[in-house]
C-alpha atoms as a PDB file:
ATOM      1  CA  MET A   1      45.133 216.633 238.316  1.00  0.00           C
ATOM      2  CA  THR A   2      43.266 215.681 241.430  1.00  0.00           C
ATOM      3  CA  THR A   3      42.176 212.137 242.107  1.00  0.00           C
ATOM      4  CA  SER A   4      38.870 211.950 243.845  1.00  0.00           C
ATOM      5  CA  GLY A   5      38.622 210.385 247.273  1.00  0.00           C
ATOM      6  CA  ASP A   6      35.915 212.643 248.593  1.00  0.00           C
ATOM      7  CA  GLY A   7      32.626 211.240 247.370  1.00  0.00           C
ATOM      8  CA  LEU A   8      32.990 212.356 243.753  1.00  0.00           C
ATOM      9  CA  GLY A   9      33.305 208.760 242.607  1.00  0.00           C
ATOM     10  CA  ALA A  10      36.115 206.315 243.181  1.00  0.00           C
ATOM     11  CA  GLY A  11      38.890 206.559 240.632  1.00  0.00           C
ATOM     12  CA  GLN A  12      37.476 209.562 238.783  1.00  0.00           C
ATOM     13  CA  VAL A  13      39.967 212.271 237.884  1.00  0.00           C
ATOM     14  CA  TYR A  14      38.916 215.905 237.654  1.00  0.00           C
ATOM     15  CA  PRO A  15      41.622 218.067 236.065  1.00  0.00           C
ATOM     16  CA  HIS A  16      39.508 221.239 236.185  1.00  0.00           C
ATOM     17  CA  ALA A  17      36.873 222.672 238.491  1.00  0.00           C
ATOM     18  CA  MET A  18      34.480 222.959 235.529  1.00  0.00           C
ATOM     19  CA  ASP A  19      34.507 219.165 235.148  1.00  0.00           C
ATOM     20  CA  VAL A  20      32.983 218.806 238.621  1.00  0.00           C
ATOM     21  CA  PHE A  21      30.127 221.146 237.678  1.00  0.00           C
ATOM     22  CA  ARG A  22      29.529 219.225 234.438  1.00  0.00           C
ATOM     23  CA  ARG A  23      29.107 215.968 236.316  1.00  0.00           C
ATOM     24  CA  MET A  24      27.334 217.064 239.496  1.00  0.00           C
ATOM     25  CA  ASP A  25      24.287 218.972 240.638  1.00  0.00           C
ATOM     26  CA  GLY A  26      25.288 222.642 241.011  1.00  0.00           C
ATOM     27  CA  LEU A  27      24.477 222.889 244.713  1.00  0.00           C
ATOM     28  CA  GLU A  28      26.369 219.678 245.494  1.00  0.00           C
ATOM     29  CA  ALA A  29      29.416 220.877 243.525  1.00  0.00           C
ATOM     30  CA  LEU A  30      29.379 224.272 245.265  1.00  0.00           C
ATOM     31  CA  GLU A  31      29.125 222.579 248.681  1.00  0.00           C
ATOM     32  CA  LEU A  32      32.225 220.527 247.831  1.00  0.00           C
ATOM     33  CA  MET A  33      33.989 223.712 246.690  1.00  0.00           C
ATOM     34  CA  LYS A  34      33.132 225.374 249.994  1.00  0.00           C
ATOM     35  CA  GLN A  35      34.602 222.382 251.828  1.00  0.00           C
ATOM     36  CA  GLY A  36      37.797 222.541 249.729  1.00  0.00           C
ATOM     37  CA  LYS A  37      37.093 219.171 248.118  1.00  0.00           C
ATOM     38  CA  THR A  38      37.100 220.299 244.481  1.00  0.00           C
ATOM     39  CA  PRO A  39      39.798 222.015 242.455  1.00  0.00           C
ATOM     40  CA  GLN A  40      39.616 225.808 242.513  1.00  0.00           C
ATOM     41  CA  THR A  41      39.829 227.825 239.344  1.00  0.00           C
ATOM     42  CA  ASN A  42      43.043 229.753 238.832  1.00  0.00           C
ATOM     43  CA  LEU A  43      41.030 232.977 239.014  1.00  0.00           C
ATOM     44  CA  MET A  44      39.639 232.129 242.455  1.00  0.00           C
ATOM     45  CA  LYS A  45      43.124 231.209 243.692  1.00  0.00           C
ATOM     46  CA  TRP A  46      44.740 234.396 242.366  1.00  0.00           C
ATOM     47  CA  MET A  47      42.011 236.716 243.618  1.00  0.00           C
ATOM     48  CA  GLN A  48      41.700 234.716 246.841  1.00  0.00           C
ATOM     49  CA  PHE A  49      37.908 234.492 246.655  1.00  0.00           C
ATOM     50  CA  THR A  50      36.331 232.238 249.275  1.00  0.00           C
ATOM     51  CA  LEU A  51      32.937 230.594 249.116  1.00  0.00           C
ATOM     52  CA  GLU A  52      31.416 231.492 252.476  1.00  0.00           C
ATOM     53  CA  HIS A  53      27.841 230.208 252.155  1.00  0.00           C
ATOM     54  CA  VAL A  54      25.766 228.291 249.639  1.00  0.00           C
ATOM     55  CA  GLU A  55      22.170 227.162 249.487  1.00  0.00           C
ATOM     56  CA  ARG A  56      19.818 226.623 246.587  1.00  0.00           C
ATOM     57  CA  GLY A  57      19.521 229.967 244.779  1.00  0.00           C
ATOM     58  CA  LYS A  58      21.847 231.878 247.148  1.00  0.00           C
ATOM     59  CA  VAL A  59      25.608 232.194 247.620  1.00  0.00           C
ATOM     60  CA  VAL A  60      28.082 234.390 249.454  1.00  0.00           C
ATOM     61  CA  PHE A  61      31.671 234.805 248.260  1.00  0.00           C
ATOM     62  CA  GLY A  62      34.247 236.708 250.295  1.00  0.00           C
ATOM     63  CA  MET A  63      37.452 238.583 249.510  1.00  0.00           C
ATOM     64  CA  VAL A  64      40.009 240.399 251.627  1.00  0.00           C
ATOM     65  CA  PRO A  65      40.995 243.660 249.865  1.00  0.00           C
ATOM     66  CA  ARG A  66      44.735 243.813 249.068  1.00  0.00           C
ATOM     67  CA  GLU A  67      46.834 246.683 247.705  1.00  0.00           C
ATOM     68  CA  GLU A  68      47.975 244.534 244.778  1.00  0.00           C
ATOM     69  CA  LEU A  69      44.351 244.727 243.553  1.00  0.00           C
ATOM     70  CA  TYR A  70      44.329 248.546 243.610  1.00  0.00           C
ATOM     71  CA  ASN A  71      43.763 250.811 240.636  1.00  0.00           C
ATOM     72  CA  LEU A  72      45.644 254.071 240.072  1.00  0.00           C
ATOM     73  CA  ILE A  73      43.511 256.019 242.555  1.00  0.00           C
ATOM     74  CA  GLY A  74      44.144 253.742 245.546  1.00  0.00           C
ATOM     75  CA  SER A  75      41.127 251.454 245.784  1.00  0.00           C
ATOM     76  CA  VAL A  76      40.341 247.932 244.624  1.00  0.00           C
ATOM     77  CA  HIS A  77      39.934 248.033 240.841  1.00  0.00           C
ATOM     78  CA  GLY A  78      36.341 247.991 239.606  1.00  0.00           C
ATOM     79  CA  GLY A  79      37.123 244.990 237.420  1.00  0.00           C
ATOM     80  CA  ILE A  80      38.090 242.968 240.494  1.00  0.00           C
ATOM     81  CA  ILE A  81      34.874 243.960 242.271  1.00  0.00           C
ATOM     82  CA  THR A  82      32.860 243.146 239.153  1.00  0.00           C
ATOM     83  CA  THR A  83      34.584 239.763 238.881  1.00  0.00           C
ATOM     84  CA  LEU A  84      33.686 238.942 242.487  1.00  0.00           C
ATOM     85  CA  LEU A  85      30.066 239.954 241.873  1.00  0.00           C
ATOM     86  CA  ASP A  86      29.964 238.005 238.585  1.00  0.00           C
ATOM     87  CA  THR A  87      31.286 234.905 240.366  1.00  0.00           C
ATOM     88  CA  ALA A  88      28.505 235.139 242.953  1.00  0.00           C
ATOM     89  CA  LEU A  89      25.806 236.040 240.413  1.00  0.00           C
ATOM     90  CA  GLY A  90      26.627 233.021 238.259  1.00  0.00           C
ATOM     91  CA  SER A  91      27.140 230.625 241.146  1.00  0.00           C
ATOM     92  CA  CYS A  92      23.745 231.311 242.710  1.00  0.00           C
ATOM     93  CA  VAL A  93      22.140 230.346 239.386  1.00  0.00           C
ATOM     94  CA  GLN A  94      24.440 227.318 239.060  1.00  0.00           C
ATOM     95  CA  SER A  95      23.237 226.161 242.480  1.00  0.00           C
ATOM     96  CA  LEU A  96      19.803 225.541 240.931  1.00  0.00           C
ATOM     97  CA  LEU A  97      21.024 223.505 237.973  1.00  0.00           C
ATOM     98  CA  PRO A  98      21.304 219.739 237.613  1.00  0.00           C
ATOM     99  CA  SER A  99      24.454 218.096 236.295  1.00  0.00           C
ATOM    100  CA  GLY A 100      25.013 218.705 232.605  1.00  0.00           C
ATOM    101  CA  ARG A 101      23.615 222.249 232.727  1.00  0.00           C
ATOM    102  CA  ALA A 102      25.714 225.403 233.042  1.00  0.00           C
ATOM    103  CA  ALA A 103      24.967 229.104 233.381  1.00  0.00           C
ATOM    104  CA  THR A 104      27.008 231.689 231.495  1.00  0.00           C
ATOM    105  CA  THR A 105      26.757 235.464 231.778  1.00  0.00           C
ATOM    106  CA  MET A 106      24.846 237.219 228.976  1.00  0.00           C
ATOM    107  CA  ASP A 107      24.568 240.621 230.622  1.00  0.00           C
ATOM    108  CA  LEU A 108      26.285 242.079 233.669  1.00  0.00           C
ATOM    109  CA  HIS A 109      25.799 245.435 235.329  1.00  0.00           C
ATOM    110  CA  THR A 110      27.767 246.785 238.286  1.00  0.00           C
ATOM    111  CA  ARG A 111      27.101 249.942 240.285  1.00  0.00           C
ATOM    112  CA  PHE A 112      29.850 251.240 242.554  1.00  0.00           C
ATOM    113  CA  HIS A 113      28.656 253.016 245.701  1.00  0.00           C
ATOM    114  CA  ARG A 114      31.909 253.580 247.637  1.00  0.00           C
ATOM    115  CA  PRO A 115      35.561 252.582 247.286  1.00  0.00           C
ATOM    116  CA  VAL A 116      36.857 249.295 248.629  1.00  0.00           C
ATOM    117  CA  THR A 117      40.268 249.611 250.309  1.00  0.00           C
ATOM    118  CA  THR A 118      42.403 247.654 252.760  1.00  0.00           C
ATOM    119  CA  ALA A 119      40.675 249.626 255.529  1.00  0.00           C
ATOM    120  CA  VAL A 120      37.806 247.162 254.987  1.00  0.00           C
ATOM    121  CA  ASP A 121      38.698 243.827 256.595  1.00  0.00           C
ATOM    122  CA  LYS A 122      36.682 241.688 254.183  1.00  0.00           C
ATOM    123  CA  VAL A 123      33.905 242.172 251.645  1.00  0.00           C
ATOM    124  CA  PHE A 124      31.141 239.728 250.808  1.00  0.00           C
ATOM    125  CA  ALA A 125      29.294 239.313 247.519  1.00  0.00           C
ATOM    126  CA  GLU A 126      25.815 238.158 248.544  1.00  0.00           C
ATOM    127  CA  ALA A 127      23.852 236.934 245.521  1.00  0.00           C
ATOM    128  CA  HIS A 128      20.438 235.408 244.970  1.00  0.00           C
ATOM    129  CA  VAL A 129      18.355 234.288 242.019  1.00  0.00           C
ATOM    130  CA  VAL A 130      15.514 236.612 241.063  1.00  0.00           C
ATOM    131  CA  HIS A 131      14.085 234.420 238.267  1.00  0.00           C
ATOM    132  CA  ALA A 132      15.118 231.078 236.805  1.00  0.00           C
ATOM    133  CA  GLY A 133      13.550 229.895 233.583  1.00  0.00           C
ATOM    134  CA  ARG A 134      14.329 227.039 231.247  1.00  0.00           C
ATOM    135  CA  ARG A 135      16.834 228.987 229.106  1.00  0.00           C
ATOM    136  CA  THR A 136      17.696 232.134 231.101  1.00  0.00           C
ATOM    137  CA  ALA A 137      17.991 233.273 234.691  1.00  0.00           C
ATOM    138  CA  THR A 138      18.366 236.634 236.422  1.00  0.00           C
ATOM    139  CA  SER A 139      20.294 237.242 239.636  1.00  0.00           C
ATOM    140  CA  GLU A 140      21.238 240.195 241.787  1.00  0.00           C
ATOM    141  CA  ALA A 141      24.004 240.791 244.308  1.00  0.00           C
ATOM    142  CA  LYS A 142      25.379 243.325 246.718  1.00  0.00           C
ATOM    143  CA  LEU A 143      28.937 243.748 247.944  1.00  0.00           C
ATOM    144  CA  VAL A 144      28.942 244.446 251.669  1.00  0.00           C
ATOM    145  CA  ASP A 145      31.312 244.495 254.628  1.00  0.00           C
ATOM    146  CA  ALA A 146      30.734 242.597 257.879  1.00  0.00           C
ATOM    147  CA  SER A 147      28.480 245.381 259.196  1.00  0.00           C
ATOM    148  CA  GLY A 148      26.289 245.324 256.064  1.00  0.00           C
ATOM    149  CA  ARG A 149      27.586 248.564 254.529  1.00  0.00           C
ATOM    150  CA  VAL A 150      27.053 248.409 250.744  1.00  0.00           C
ATOM    151  CA  TYR A 151      30.038 249.030 248.436  1.00  0.00           C
ATOM    152  CA  ALA A 152      28.612 247.851 245.105  1.00  0.00           C
ATOM    153  CA  THR A 153      25.559 246.174 243.618  1.00  0.00           C
ATOM    154  CA  GLY A 154      25.160 244.097 240.514  1.00  0.00           C
ATOM    155  CA  THR A 155      22.666 242.311 238.335  1.00  0.00           C
ATOM    156  CA  SER A 156      23.102 239.644 235.715  1.00  0.00           C
ATOM    157  CA  THR A 157      21.160 237.745 233.102  1.00  0.00           C
ATOM    158  CA  LEU A 158      22.548 234.296 232.420  1.00  0.00           C
ATOM    159  CA  LEU A 159      22.026 231.847 229.582  1.00  0.00           C
ATOM    160  CA  ILE A 160      21.446 228.265 230.704  1.00  0.00           C
ATOM    161  CA  LEU A 161      23.215 225.754 228.472  1.00  0.00           C
ATOM    162  CA  ASP A 162      23.512 222.024 228.127  1.00  0.00           C
ATOM    163  CA  ASP A 163      27.128 221.342 229.092  1.00  0.00           C
ATOM    164  CA  LYS A 164      27.782 217.639 228.799  1.00  0.00           C
ATOM    165  CA  PRO A 165      31.389 216.439 229.101  1.00  0.00           C
ATOM    166  CA  ASP A 166      33.047 215.509 225.840  1.00  0.00           C
ATOM    167  CA  ALA A 167      33.092 211.725 225.459  1.00  0.00           C
ATOM    168  CA  LYS A 168      36.823 211.871 224.603  1.00  0.00           C
ATOM    169  CA  THR A 169      37.730 213.578 227.899  1.00  0.00           C
ATOM    170  CA  ALA A 170      35.179 212.025 230.248  1.00  0.00           C
ATOM    171  CA  PRO A 171      36.584 209.434 232.671  1.00  0.00           C
ATOM    172  CA  ALA A 172      35.676 205.858 231.923  1.00  0.00           C
ATOM    173  CA  ALA A 173      32.794 204.474 233.964  1.00  0.00           C
ATOM    174  CA  THR A 174      33.890 202.128 236.719  1.00  0.00           C
END
């Protein structure tokens, strides 16, 4: 567990990254994630995703390709690439949402244009919101290297849910 001392509220404890997003505006929570002031999900730690840029309706996540992420044919596995795109696609929608609202993937489509290998220094999943309604949102992303060369593209439709913290697990008000 992490005790907050970074503007999240004195004395509040956030055992999971998702708790921060339940209690804060999506953009504010993503900004704190970018600054390293919120807990990271285990997935982000393991895959070593980094949040490079965030603004309302837009995000950029980065990843350095590693051989341990390779498939049998010697490139980063498509599931890893899709996970990076999905993270960006969902986060750009989350950046629009107030506290107590969450976006979850309903539909996800990835197109692979060229292999990602360790010959690429770093790839960036650049995502933006195409449409945000009351109950659903659509986003699109591209996976590029530092020179802008496209490796994959993706689109997603997300369901927007009420996601209030459970009264039993919410920290007591101070």
